Each structure stands twice: as C-alpha cells, then as structure tokens.
Amino acid sequence: AEAAARDAGKTLLVLDTADDGAARLYERLGWTLAGVVPDYALLPRGG
C-alpha cells in the first residue's frame, strides 16, 4: 500500500485502528502514533 501510494504521488499516509496487534504492526513498520480517541466506535458485538 505504501509503494502504491508513493507511485500515485502521495507523500503522507494516515490510518486508524482499534486493534492492538495491528497497532504493533504499524509501529514496527515505522508509522507514528498521532493519538488515541476513547470510545470512538462500537465493537462488532457491542461495547
């Protein structure tokens, strides 16, 4: 995705995640945490 964005002329990417495993992956790949918003969305089974 980063390579495709670069090829499309993009220089900044953003994303969001509610998953701790995905967050660890993004950080391992060099992404920077901008912030955390509590109670942002519902989980699929509620909460």
All heavy atoms as atom14 arrays in JSON, in Angstrom:
{
  "sequence": "AEAAARDAGKTLLVLDTADDGAARLYERLGWTLAGVVPDYALLPRGG",
  "atom14_mask": [
    [1, 1, 1, 1, 1, 0, 0, 0, 0, 0, 0, 0, 0, 0],
    [1, 1, 1, 1, 1, 1, 1, 1, 1, 0, 0, 0, 0, 0],
    [1, 1, 1, 1, 1, 0, 0, 0, 0, 0, 0, 0, 0, 0],
    [1, 1, 1, 1, 1, 0, 0, 0, 0, 0, 0, 0, 0, 0],
    [1, 1, 1, 1, 1, 0, 0, 0, 0, 0, 0, 0, 0, 0],
    [1, 1, 1, 1, 1, 1, 1, 1, 1, 1, 1, 0, 0, 0],
    [1, 1, 1, 1, 1, 1, 1, 1, 0, 0, 0, 0, 0, 0],
    [1, 1, 1, 1, 1, 0, 0, 0, 0, 0, 0, 0, 0, 0],
    [1, 1, 1, 1, 0, 0, 0, 0, 0, 0, 0, 0, 0, 0],
    [1, 1, 1, 1, 1, 1, 1, 1, 1, 0, 0, 0, 0, 0],
    [1, 1, 1, 1, 1, 1, 1, 0, 0, 0, 0, 0, 0, 0],
    [1, 1, 1, 1, 1, 1, 1, 1, 0, 0, 0, 0, 0, 0],
    [1, 1, 1, 1, 1, 1, 1, 1, 0, 0, 0, 0, 0, 0],
    [1, 1, 1, 1, 1, 1, 1, 0, 0, 0, 0, 0, 0, 0],
    [1, 1, 1, 1, 1, 1, 1, 1, 0, 0, 0, 0, 0, 0],
    [1, 1, 1, 1, 1, 1, 1, 1, 0, 0, 0, 0, 0, 0],
    [1, 1, 1, 1, 1, 1, 1, 0, 0, 0, 0, 0, 0, 0],
    [1, 1, 1, 1, 1, 0, 0, 0, 0, 0, 0, 0, 0, 0],
    [1, 1, 1, 1, 1, 1, 1, 1, 0, 0, 0, 0, 0, 0],
    [1, 1, 1, 1, 1, 1, 1, 1, 0, 0, 0, 0, 0, 0],
    [1, 1, 1, 1, 0, 0, 0, 0, 0, 0, 0, 0, 0, 0],
    [1, 1, 1, 1, 1, 0, 0, 0, 0, 0, 0, 0, 0, 0],
    [1, 1, 1, 1, 1, 0, 0, 0, 0, 0, 0, 0, 0, 0],
    [1, 1, 1, 1, 1, 1, 1, 1, 1, 1, 1, 0, 0, 0],
    [1, 1, 1, 1, 1, 1, 1, 1, 0, 0, 0, 0, 0, 0],
    [1, 1, 1, 1, 1, 1, 1, 1, 1, 1, 1, 1, 0, 0],
    [1, 1, 1, 1, 1, 1, 1, 1, 1, 0, 0, 0, 0, 0],
    [1, 1, 1, 1, 1, 1, 1, 1, 1, 1, 1, 0, 0, 0],
    [1, 1, 1, 1, 1, 1, 1, 1, 0, 0, 0, 0, 0, 0],
    [1, 1, 1, 1, 0, 0, 0, 0, 0, 0, 0, 0, 0, 0],
    [1, 1, 1, 1, 1, 1, 1, 1, 1, 1, 1, 1, 1, 1],
    [1, 1, 1, 1, 1, 1, 1, 0, 0, 0, 0, 0, 0, 0],
    [1, 1, 1, 1, 1, 1, 1, 1, 0, 0, 0, 0, 0, 0],
    [1, 1, 1, 1, 1, 0, 0, 0, 0, 0, 0, 0, 0, 0],
    [1, 1, 1, 1, 0, 0, 0, 0, 0, 0, 0, 0, 0, 0],
    [1, 1, 1, 1, 1, 1, 1, 0, 0, 0, 0, 0, 0, 0],
    [1, 1, 1, 1, 1, 1, 1, 0, 0, 0, 0, 0, 0, 0],
    [1, 1, 1, 1, 1, 1, 1, 0, 0, 0, 0, 0, 0, 0],
    [1, 1, 1, 1, 1, 1, 1, 1, 0, 0, 0, 0, 0, 0],
    [1, 1, 1, 1, 1, 1, 1, 1, 1, 1, 1, 1, 0, 0],
    [1, 1, 1, 1, 1, 0, 0, 0, 0, 0, 0, 0, 0, 0],
    [1, 1, 1, 1, 1, 1, 1, 1, 0, 0, 0, 0, 0, 0],
    [1, 1, 1, 1, 1, 1, 1, 1, 0, 0, 0, 0, 0, 0],
    [1, 1, 1, 1, 1, 1, 1, 0, 0, 0, 0, 0, 0, 0],
    [1, 1, 1, 1, 1, 1, 1, 1, 1, 1, 1, 0, 0, 0],
    [1, 1, 1, 1, 0, 0, 0, 0, 0, 0, 0, 0, 0, 0],
    [1, 1, 1, 1, 0, 0, 0, 0, 0, 0, 0, 0, 0, 0]
  ],
  "atom14_positions": [
    [[0.83, -1.2, 0.0], [0.0, 0.0, 0.0], [0.87, 1.25, 0.0], [0.57, 2.23, -0.71], [-0.94, -0.01, 1.2], [0.0, 0.0, 0.0], [0.0, 0.0, 0.0], [0.0, 0.0, 0.0], [0.0, 0.0, 0.0], [0.0, 0.0, 0.0], [0.0, 0.0, 0.0], [0.0, 0.0, 0.0], [0.0, 0.0, 0.0], [0.0, 0.0, 0.0]],
    [[1.94, 1.24, 0.8], [2.86, 2.38, 0.82], [3.47, 2.6, -0.55], [3.56, 3.74, -1.04], [3.94, 2.16, 1.87], [3.43, 2.23, 3.29], [4.47, 1.81, 4.32], [5.62, 1.47, 3.93], [4.15, 1.82, 5.52], [0.0, 0.0, 0.0], [0.0, 0.0, 0.0], [0.0, 0.0, 0.0], [0.0, 0.0, 0.0], [0.0, 0.0, 0.0]],
    [[3.9, 1.52, -1.2], [4.51, 1.63, -2.53], [3.49, 2.15, -3.55], [3.82, 3.01, -4.38], [5.05, 0.27, -2.97], [0.0, 0.0, 0.0], [0.0, 0.0, 0.0], [0.0, 0.0, 0.0], [0.0, 0.0, 0.0], [0.0, 0.0, 0.0], [0.0, 0.0, 0.0], [0.0, 0.0, 0.0], [0.0, 0.0, 0.0], [0.0, 0.0, 0.0]],
    [[2.26, 1.66, -3.49], [1.22, 2.12, -4.41], [0.91, 3.6, -4.19], [0.72, 4.35, -5.16], [-0.04, 1.28, -4.24], [0.0, 0.0, 0.0], [0.0, 0.0, 0.0], [0.0, 0.0, 0.0], [0.0, 0.0, 0.0], [0.0, 0.0, 0.0], [0.0, 0.0, 0.0], [0.0, 0.0, 0.0], [0.0, 0.0, 0.0], [0.0, 0.0, 0.0]],
    [[0.87, 4.02, -2.93], [0.63, 5.43, -2.63], [1.77, 6.3, -3.15], [1.54, 7.37, -3.73], [0.45, 5.63, -1.12], [0.0, 0.0, 0.0], [0.0, 0.0, 0.0], [0.0, 0.0, 0.0], [0.0, 0.0, 0.0], [0.0, 0.0, 0.0], [0.0, 0.0, 0.0], [0.0, 0.0, 0.0], [0.0, 0.0, 0.0], [0.0, 0.0, 0.0]],
    [[2.98, 5.84, -2.95], [4.16, 6.56, -3.44], [4.08, 6.69, -4.96], [4.3, 7.78, -5.52], [5.43, 5.81, -3.02], [6.7, 6.6, -3.11], [7.91, 5.82, -2.59], [7.88, 5.7, -1.14], [7.66, 4.56, -0.45], [7.44, 3.42, -1.08], [7.66, 4.55, 0.86], [0.0, 0.0, 0.0], [0.0, 0.0, 0.0], [0.0, 0.0, 0.0]],
    [[3.74, 5.59, -5.64], [3.61, 5.61, -7.1], [2.51, 6.56, -7.56], [2.56, 7.09, -8.67], [3.32, 4.2, -7.64], [4.51, 3.26, -7.51], [5.64, 3.74, -7.24], [4.31, 2.04, -7.67], [0.0, 0.0, 0.0], [0.0, 0.0, 0.0], [0.0, 0.0, 0.0], [0.0, 0.0, 0.0], [0.0, 0.0, 0.0], [0.0, 0.0, 0.0]],
    [[1.5, 6.77, -6.71], [0.4, 7.68, -7.02], [0.74, 9.12, -6.66], [-0.12, 10.01, -6.77], [-0.87, 7.24, -6.3], [0.0, 0.0, 0.0], [0.0, 0.0, 0.0], [0.0, 0.0, 0.0], [0.0, 0.0, 0.0], [0.0, 0.0, 0.0], [0.0, 0.0, 0.0], [0.0, 0.0, 0.0], [0.0, 0.0, 0.0], [0.0, 0.0, 0.0]],
    [[1.98, 9.37, -6.22], [2.42, 10.72, -5.91], [2.07, 11.2, -4.51], [2.18, 12.4, -4.22], [0.0, 0.0, 0.0], [0.0, 0.0, 0.0], [0.0, 0.0, 0.0], [0.0, 0.0, 0.0], [0.0, 0.0, 0.0], [0.0, 0.0, 0.0], [0.0, 0.0, 0.0], [0.0, 0.0, 0.0], [0.0, 0.0, 0.0], [0.0, 0.0, 0.0]],
    [[1.69, 10.29, -3.64], [1.32, 10.67, -2.27], [2.57, 10.71, -1.39], [3.48, 9.89, -1.55], [0.3, 9.7, -1.68], [-0.98, 9.59, -2.5], [-1.69, 10.92, -2.64], [-2.96, 10.78, -3.44], [-3.71, 12.04, -3.53], [0.0, 0.0, 0.0], [0.0, 0.0, 0.0], [0.0, 0.0, 0.0], [0.0, 0.0, 0.0], [0.0, 0.0, 0.0]],
    [[2.61, 11.66, -0.46], [3.76, 11.79, 0.44], [3.4, 11.63, 1.92], [4.28, 11.61, 2.76], [4.45, 13.16, 0.25], [3.5, 14.2, 0.49], [5.01, 13.28, -1.17], [0.0, 0.0, 0.0], [0.0, 0.0, 0.0], [0.0, 0.0, 0.0], [0.0, 0.0, 0.0], [0.0, 0.0, 0.0], [0.0, 0.0, 0.0], [0.0, 0.0, 0.0]],
    [[2.09, 11.53, 2.21], [1.64, 11.35, 3.59], [0.49, 10.36, 3.61], [-0.45, 10.49, 2.83], [1.19, 12.69, 4.19], [0.67, 12.64, 5.63], [1.81, 12.31, 6.6], [0.0, 13.96, 6.01], [0.0, 0.0, 0.0], [0.0, 0.0, 0.0], [0.0, 0.0, 0.0], [0.0, 0.0, 0.0], [0.0, 0.0, 0.0], [0.0, 0.0, 0.0]],
    [[0.58, 9.39, 4.5], [-0.49, 8.4, 4.67], [-1.02, 8.49, 6.09], [-0.26, 8.77, 7.02], [0.03, 6.99, 4.43], [0.53, 6.68, 3.03], [1.09, 5.27, 2.96], [-0.57, 6.87, 2.02], [0.0, 0.0, 0.0], [0.0, 0.0, 0.0], [0.0, 0.0, 0.0], [0.0, 0.0, 0.0], [0.0, 0.0, 0.0], [0.0, 0.0, 0.0]],
    [[-2.31, 8.24, 6.26], [-2.93, 8.17, 7.58], [-3.8, 6.93, 7.65], [-4.29, 6.43, 6.63], [-3.75, 9.43, 7.92], [-2.87, 10.66, 7.99], [-4.86, 9.65, 6.92], [0.0, 0.0, 0.0], [0.0, 0.0, 0.0], [0.0, 0.0, 0.0], [0.0, 0.0, 0.0], [0.0, 0.0, 0.0], [0.0, 0.0, 0.0], [0.0, 0.0, 0.0]],
    [[-3.98, 6.42, 8.86], [-4.86, 5.28, 9.09], [-5.31, 5.29, 10.54], [-4.76, 6.01, 11.37], [-4.19, 3.95, 8.73], [-2.94, 3.51, 9.5], [-3.24, 2.99, 10.89], [-2.21, 2.45, 8.71], [0.0, 0.0, 0.0], [0.0, 0.0, 0.0], [0.0, 0.0, 0.0], [0.0, 0.0, 0.0], [0.0, 0.0, 0.0], [0.0, 0.0, 0.0]],
    [[-6.32, 4.48, 10.83], [-6.73, 4.3, 12.21], [-6.99, 2.83, 12.45], [-7.28, 2.07, 11.52], [-7.97, 5.14, 12.54], [-9.2, 4.71, 11.79], [-9.88, 3.78, 12.24], [-9.49, 5.31, 10.74], [0.0, 0.0, 0.0], [0.0, 0.0, 0.0], [0.0, 0.0, 0.0], [0.0, 0.0, 0.0], [0.0, 0.0, 0.0], [0.0, 0.0, 0.0]],
    [[-6.85, 2.44, 13.71], [-7.08, 1.05, 14.09], [-7.58, 0.98, 15.53], [-7.19, 1.78, 16.37], [-5.82, 0.19, 13.92], [-6.16, -1.18, 14.22], [-4.69, 0.63, 14.85], [0.0, 0.0, 0.0], [0.0, 0.0, 0.0], [0.0, 0.0, 0.0], [0.0, 0.0, 0.0], [0.0, 0.0, 0.0], [0.0, 0.0, 0.0], [0.0, 0.0, 0.0]],
    [[-8.41, -0.01, 15.76], [-8.87, -0.3, 17.12], [-8.21, -1.58, 17.64], [-8.5, -2.02, 18.74], [-10.39, -0.45, 17.14], [0.0, 0.0, 0.0], [0.0, 0.0, 0.0], [0.0, 0.0, 0.0], [0.0, 0.0, 0.0], [0.0, 0.0, 0.0], [0.0, 0.0, 0.0], [0.0, 0.0, 0.0], [0.0, 0.0, 0.0], [0.0, 0.0, 0.0]],
    [[-7.32, -2.16, 16.85], [-6.71, -3.45, 17.17], [-5.28, -3.27, 17.67], [-4.44, -2.68, 16.97], [-6.72, -4.34, 15.91], [-6.18, -5.72, 16.19], [-6.96, -6.56, 16.68], [-4.98, -5.95, 15.94], [0.0, 0.0, 0.0], [0.0, 0.0, 0.0], [0.0, 0.0, 0.0], [0.0, 0.0, 0.0], [0.0, 0.0, 0.0], [0.0, 0.0, 0.0]],
    [[-4.99, -3.78, 18.86], [-3.65, -3.64, 19.42], [-2.58, -4.36, 18.6], [-1.46, -3.86, 18.46], [-3.62, -4.16, 20.86], [-4.4, -3.27, 21.82], [-4.64, -2.09, 21.49], [-4.79, -3.78, 22.89], [0.0, 0.0, 0.0], [0.0, 0.0, 0.0], [0.0, 0.0, 0.0], [0.0, 0.0, 0.0], [0.0, 0.0, 0.0], [0.0, 0.0, 0.0]],
    [[-2.92, -5.51, 18.03], [-1.95, -6.23, 17.19], [-1.61, -5.44, 15.95], [-0.44, -5.36, 15.55], [0.0, 0.0, 0.0], [0.0, 0.0, 0.0], [0.0, 0.0, 0.0], [0.0, 0.0, 0.0], [0.0, 0.0, 0.0], [0.0, 0.0, 0.0], [0.0, 0.0, 0.0], [0.0, 0.0, 0.0], [0.0, 0.0, 0.0], [0.0, 0.0, 0.0]],
    [[-2.62, -4.85, 15.32], [-2.38, -4.02, 14.14], [-1.55, -2.8, 14.53], [-0.64, -2.4, 13.79], [-3.7, -3.61, 13.51], [0.0, 0.0, 0.0], [0.0, 0.0, 0.0], [0.0, 0.0, 0.0], [0.0, 0.0, 0.0], [0.0, 0.0, 0.0], [0.0, 0.0, 0.0], [0.0, 0.0, 0.0], [0.0, 0.0, 0.0], [0.0, 0.0, 0.0]],
    [[-1.83, -2.2, 15.68], [-1.06, -1.05, 16.14], [0.42, -1.41, 16.27], [1.29, -0.64, 15.85], [-1.62, -0.53, 17.46], [0.0, 0.0, 0.0], [0.0, 0.0, 0.0], [0.0, 0.0, 0.0], [0.0, 0.0, 0.0], [0.0, 0.0, 0.0], [0.0, 0.0, 0.0], [0.0, 0.0, 0.0], [0.0, 0.0, 0.0], [0.0, 0.0, 0.0]],
    [[0.7, -2.57, 16.85], [2.1, -3.01, 16.98], [2.74, -3.19, 15.61], [3.9, -2.82, 15.4], [2.18, -4.29, 17.79], [1.97, -4.08, 19.28], [2.27, -5.32, 20.11], [1.42, -6.45, 19.79], [0.2, -6.65, 20.3], [-0.29, -5.79, 21.18], [-0.52, -7.71, 19.96], [0.0, 0.0, 0.0], [0.0, 0.0, 0.0], [0.0, 0.0, 0.0]],
    [[1.98, -3.73, 14.67], [2.49, -3.91, 13.3], [2.84, -2.56, 12.69], [3.93, -2.38, 12.14], [1.46, -4.63, 12.43], [1.75, -4.64, 10.93], [2.99, -5.47, 10.62], [0.54, -5.16, 10.16], [0.0, 0.0, 0.0], [0.0, 0.0, 0.0], [0.0, 0.0, 0.0], [0.0, 0.0, 0.0], [0.0, 0.0, 0.0], [0.0, 0.0, 0.0]],
    [[1.93, -1.59, 12.76], [2.18, -0.28, 12.16], [3.4, 0.38, 12.79], [4.24, 0.95, 12.07], [0.95, 0.61, 12.29], [-0.28, 0.03, 11.64], [-1.53, 0.09, 12.26], [-0.22, -0.62, 10.41], [-2.65, -0.46, 11.68], [-1.34, -1.17, 9.82], [-2.55, -1.09, 10.46], [-3.67, -1.64, 9.88], [0.0, 0.0, 0.0], [0.0, 0.0, 0.0]],
    [[3.52, 0.29, 14.09], [4.67, 0.89, 14.75], [5.97, 0.2, 14.34], [6.99, 0.85, 14.11], [4.48, 0.88, 16.27], [3.39, 1.85, 16.7], [3.01, 1.77, 18.16], [3.74, 1.13, 18.96], [1.96, 2.35, 18.51], [0.0, 0.0, 0.0], [0.0, 0.0, 0.0], [0.0, 0.0, 0.0], [0.0, 0.0, 0.0], [0.0, 0.0, 0.0]],
    [[5.93, -1.12, 14.21], [7.1, -1.88, 13.76], [7.51, -1.47, 12.35], [8.69, -1.47, 12.0], [6.79, -3.38, 13.84], [7.99, -4.27, 13.73], [7.71, -5.73, 14.08], [6.61, -6.33, 13.35], [5.43, -6.69, 13.87], [5.18, -6.49, 15.15], [4.5, -7.24, 13.13], [0.0, 0.0, 0.0], [0.0, 0.0, 0.0], [0.0, 0.0, 0.0]],
    [[6.53, -1.08, 11.52], [6.8, -0.69, 10.14], [7.13, 0.8, 9.99], [7.29, 1.29, 8.87], [5.61, -1.05, 9.25], [5.35, -2.55, 9.09], [4.07, -2.78, 8.3], [6.53, -3.24, 8.43], [0.0, 0.0, 0.0], [0.0, 0.0, 0.0], [0.0, 0.0, 0.0], [0.0, 0.0, 0.0], [0.0, 0.0, 0.0], [0.0, 0.0, 0.0]],
    [[7.24, 1.52, 11.12], [7.68, 2.91, 11.07], [6.58, 3.96, 11.09], [6.85, 5.15, 10.87], [0.0, 0.0, 0.0], [0.0, 0.0, 0.0], [0.0, 0.0, 0.0], [0.0, 0.0, 0.0], [0.0, 0.0, 0.0], [0.0, 0.0, 0.0], [0.0, 0.0, 0.0], [0.0, 0.0, 0.0], [0.0, 0.0, 0.0], [0.0, 0.0, 0.0]],
    [[5.35, 3.56, 11.35], [4.25, 4.52, 11.46], [4.33, 5.22, 12.81], [4.8, 4.65, 13.79], [2.91, 3.8, 11.31], [2.64, 3.36, 9.9], [3.27, 2.36, 9.21], [1.68, 3.91, 9.01], [2.75, 2.26, 7.95], [1.77, 3.2, 7.79], [0.75, 4.93, 9.12], [0.97, 3.49, 6.69], [-0.06, 5.21, 8.03], [0.06, 4.5, 6.83]],
    [[3.83, 6.45, 12.86], [3.87, 7.27, 14.07], [2.46, 7.43, 14.64], [1.54, 7.8, 13.91], [4.45, 8.67, 13.76], [5.76, 8.5, 13.21], [4.51, 9.53, 15.01], [0.0, 0.0, 0.0], [0.0, 0.0, 0.0], [0.0, 0.0, 0.0], [0.0, 0.0, 0.0], [0.0, 0.0, 0.0], [0.0, 0.0, 0.0], [0.0, 0.0, 0.0]],
    [[2.34, 7.15, 15.92], [1.05, 7.32, 16.6], [0.78, 8.81, 16.75], [1.58, 9.55, 17.31], [1.08, 6.64, 17.97], [-0.18, 6.8, 18.83], [-1.37, 6.1, 18.18], [0.08, 6.24, 20.23], [0.0, 0.0, 0.0], [0.0, 0.0, 0.0], [0.0, 0.0, 0.0], [0.0, 0.0, 0.0], [0.0, 0.0, 0.0], [0.0, 0.0, 0.0]],
    [[-0.37, 9.26, 16.24], [-0.76, 10.67, 16.36], [-1.62, 10.89, 17.59], [-1.61, 11.97, 18.17], [-1.5, 11.12, 15.1], [0.0, 0.0, 0.0], [0.0, 0.0, 0.0], [0.0, 0.0, 0.0], [0.0, 0.0, 0.0], [0.0, 0.0, 0.0], [0.0, 0.0, 0.0], [0.0, 0.0, 0.0], [0.0, 0.0, 0.0], [0.0, 0.0, 0.0]],
    [[-2.38, 9.86, 17.98], [-3.22, 9.99, 19.15], [-4.25, 8.88, 19.25], [-4.43, 8.1, 18.31], [0.0, 0.0, 0.0], [0.0, 0.0, 0.0], [0.0, 0.0, 0.0], [0.0, 0.0, 0.0], [0.0, 0.0, 0.0], [0.0, 0.0, 0.0], [0.0, 0.0, 0.0], [0.0, 0.0, 0.0], [0.0, 0.0, 0.0], [0.0, 0.0, 0.0]],
    [[-4.89, 8.8, 20.4], [-5.88, 7.77, 20.68], [-7.16, 8.47, 21.13], [-7.13, 9.35, 21.98], [-5.39, 6.81, 21.78], [-6.45, 5.76, 22.09], [-4.08, 6.15, 21.38], [0.0, 0.0, 0.0], [0.0, 0.0, 0.0], [0.0, 0.0, 0.0], [0.0, 0.0, 0.0], [0.0, 0.0, 0.0], [0.0, 0.0, 0.0], [0.0, 0.0, 0.0]],
    [[-8.28, 8.06, 20.53], [-9.57, 8.61, 20.88], [-10.37, 7.52, 21.61], [-10.63, 6.46, 21.03], [-10.35, 9.08, 19.64], [-11.72, 9.63, 20.03], [-9.54, 10.13, 18.88], [0.0, 0.0, 0.0], [0.0, 0.0, 0.0], [0.0, 0.0, 0.0], [0.0, 0.0, 0.0], [0.0, 0.0, 0.0], [0.0, 0.0, 0.0], [0.0, 0.0, 0.0]],
    [[-10.75, 7.75, 22.86], [-11.53, 6.74, 23.59], [-12.97, 6.69, 23.07], [-13.48, 7.67, 22.53], [-11.49, 7.24, 25.04], [-11.28, 8.72, 24.93], [-10.48, 8.93, 23.68], [0.0, 0.0, 0.0], [0.0, 0.0, 0.0], [0.0, 0.0, 0.0], [0.0, 0.0, 0.0], [0.0, 0.0, 0.0], [0.0, 0.0, 0.0], [0.0, 0.0, 0.0]],
    [[-13.57, 5.53, 23.21], [-15.0, 5.36, 22.87], [-15.33, 5.84, 21.46], [-16.38, 6.42, 21.21], [-15.89, 6.09, 23.88], [-15.7, 5.58, 25.29], [-15.2, 4.44, 25.46], [-16.04, 6.3, 26.24], [0.0, 0.0, 0.0], [0.0, 0.0, 0.0], [0.0, 0.0, 0.0], [0.0, 0.0, 0.0], [0.0, 0.0, 0.0], [0.0, 0.0, 0.0]],
    [[-14.45, 5.57, 20.52], [-14.59, 6.07, 19.15], [-15.63, 5.31, 18.34], [-16.36, 5.89, 17.56], [-13.23, 6.01, 18.45], [-13.21, 6.64, 17.09], [-13.1, 8.02, 16.94], [-13.27, 5.87, 15.94], [-13.07, 8.61, 15.7], [-13.25, 6.45, 14.69], [-13.14, 7.82, 14.57], [-13.11, 8.41, 13.33], [0.0, 0.0, 0.0], [0.0, 0.0, 0.0]],
    [[-15.68, 3.99, 18.52], [-16.58, 3.16, 17.72], [-17.07, 1.99, 18.56], [-16.59, 1.74, 19.67], [-15.84, 2.64, 16.48], [0.0, 0.0, 0.0], [0.0, 0.0, 0.0], [0.0, 0.0, 0.0], [0.0, 0.0, 0.0], [0.0, 0.0, 0.0], [0.0, 0.0, 0.0], [0.0, 0.0, 0.0], [0.0, 0.0, 0.0], [0.0, 0.0, 0.0]],
    [[-18.01, 1.28, 17.99], [-18.51, 0.06, 18.63], [-17.75, -1.16, 18.11], [-17.42, -1.23, 16.93], [-20.0, -0.14, 18.32], [-20.97, 0.82, 18.98], [-22.38, 0.58, 18.44], [-20.94, 0.68, 20.48], [0.0, 0.0, 0.0], [0.0, 0.0, 0.0], [0.0, 0.0, 0.0], [0.0, 0.0, 0.0], [0.0, 0.0, 0.0], [0.0, 0.0, 0.0]],
    [[-17.52, -2.09, 18.98], [-17.03, -3.4, 18.57], [-18.17, -4.13, 17.86], [-19.35, -3.82, 18.1], [-16.55, -4.19, 19.79], [-15.3, -3.62, 20.46], [-15.09, -4.25, 21.82], [-14.08, -3.85, 19.56], [0.0, 0.0, 0.0], [0.0, 0.0, 0.0], [0.0, 0.0, 0.0], [0.0, 0.0, 0.0], [0.0, 0.0, 0.0], [0.0, 0.0, 0.0]],
    [[-17.89, -5.11, 17.02], [-18.94, -5.78, 16.25], [-20.05, -6.4, 17.08], [-21.19, -6.48, 16.63], [-18.2, -6.85, 15.46], [-16.8, -6.4, 15.41], [-16.57, -5.6, 16.65], [0.0, 0.0, 0.0], [0.0, 0.0, 0.0], [0.0, 0.0, 0.0], [0.0, 0.0, 0.0], [0.0, 0.0, 0.0], [0.0, 0.0, 0.0], [0.0, 0.0, 0.0]],
    [[-19.75, -6.85, 18.29], [-20.76, -7.46, 19.14], [-21.22, -6.51, 20.25], [-21.86, -6.93, 21.21], [-20.23, -8.76, 19.73], [-19.93, -9.8, 18.67], [-19.28, -11.04, 19.27], [-18.71, -11.89, 18.26], [-19.31, -12.9, 17.67], [-20.55, -13.21, 18.0], [-18.68, -13.62, 16.76], [0.0, 0.0, 0.0], [0.0, 0.0, 0.0], [0.0, 0.0, 0.0]],
    [[-20.88, -5.23, 20.11], [-21.28, -4.22, 21.07], [-20.16, -3.84, 22.01], [-19.18, -4.56, 22.16], [0.0, 0.0, 0.0], [0.0, 0.0, 0.0], [0.0, 0.0, 0.0], [0.0, 0.0, 0.0], [0.0, 0.0, 0.0], [0.0, 0.0, 0.0], [0.0, 0.0, 0.0], [0.0, 0.0, 0.0], [0.0, 0.0, 0.0], [0.0, 0.0, 0.0]],
    [[-20.29, -2.71, 22.63], [-19.26, -2.19, 23.53], [-18.36, -1.22, 22.8], [-17.97, -1.47, 21.66], [0.0, 0.0, 0.0], [0.0, 0.0, 0.0], [0.0, 0.0, 0.0], [0.0, 0.0, 0.0], [0.0, 0.0, 0.0], [0.0, 0.0, 0.0], [0.0, 0.0, 0.0], [0.0, 0.0, 0.0], [0.0, 0.0, 0.0], [0.0, 0.0, 0.0]]
  ]
}
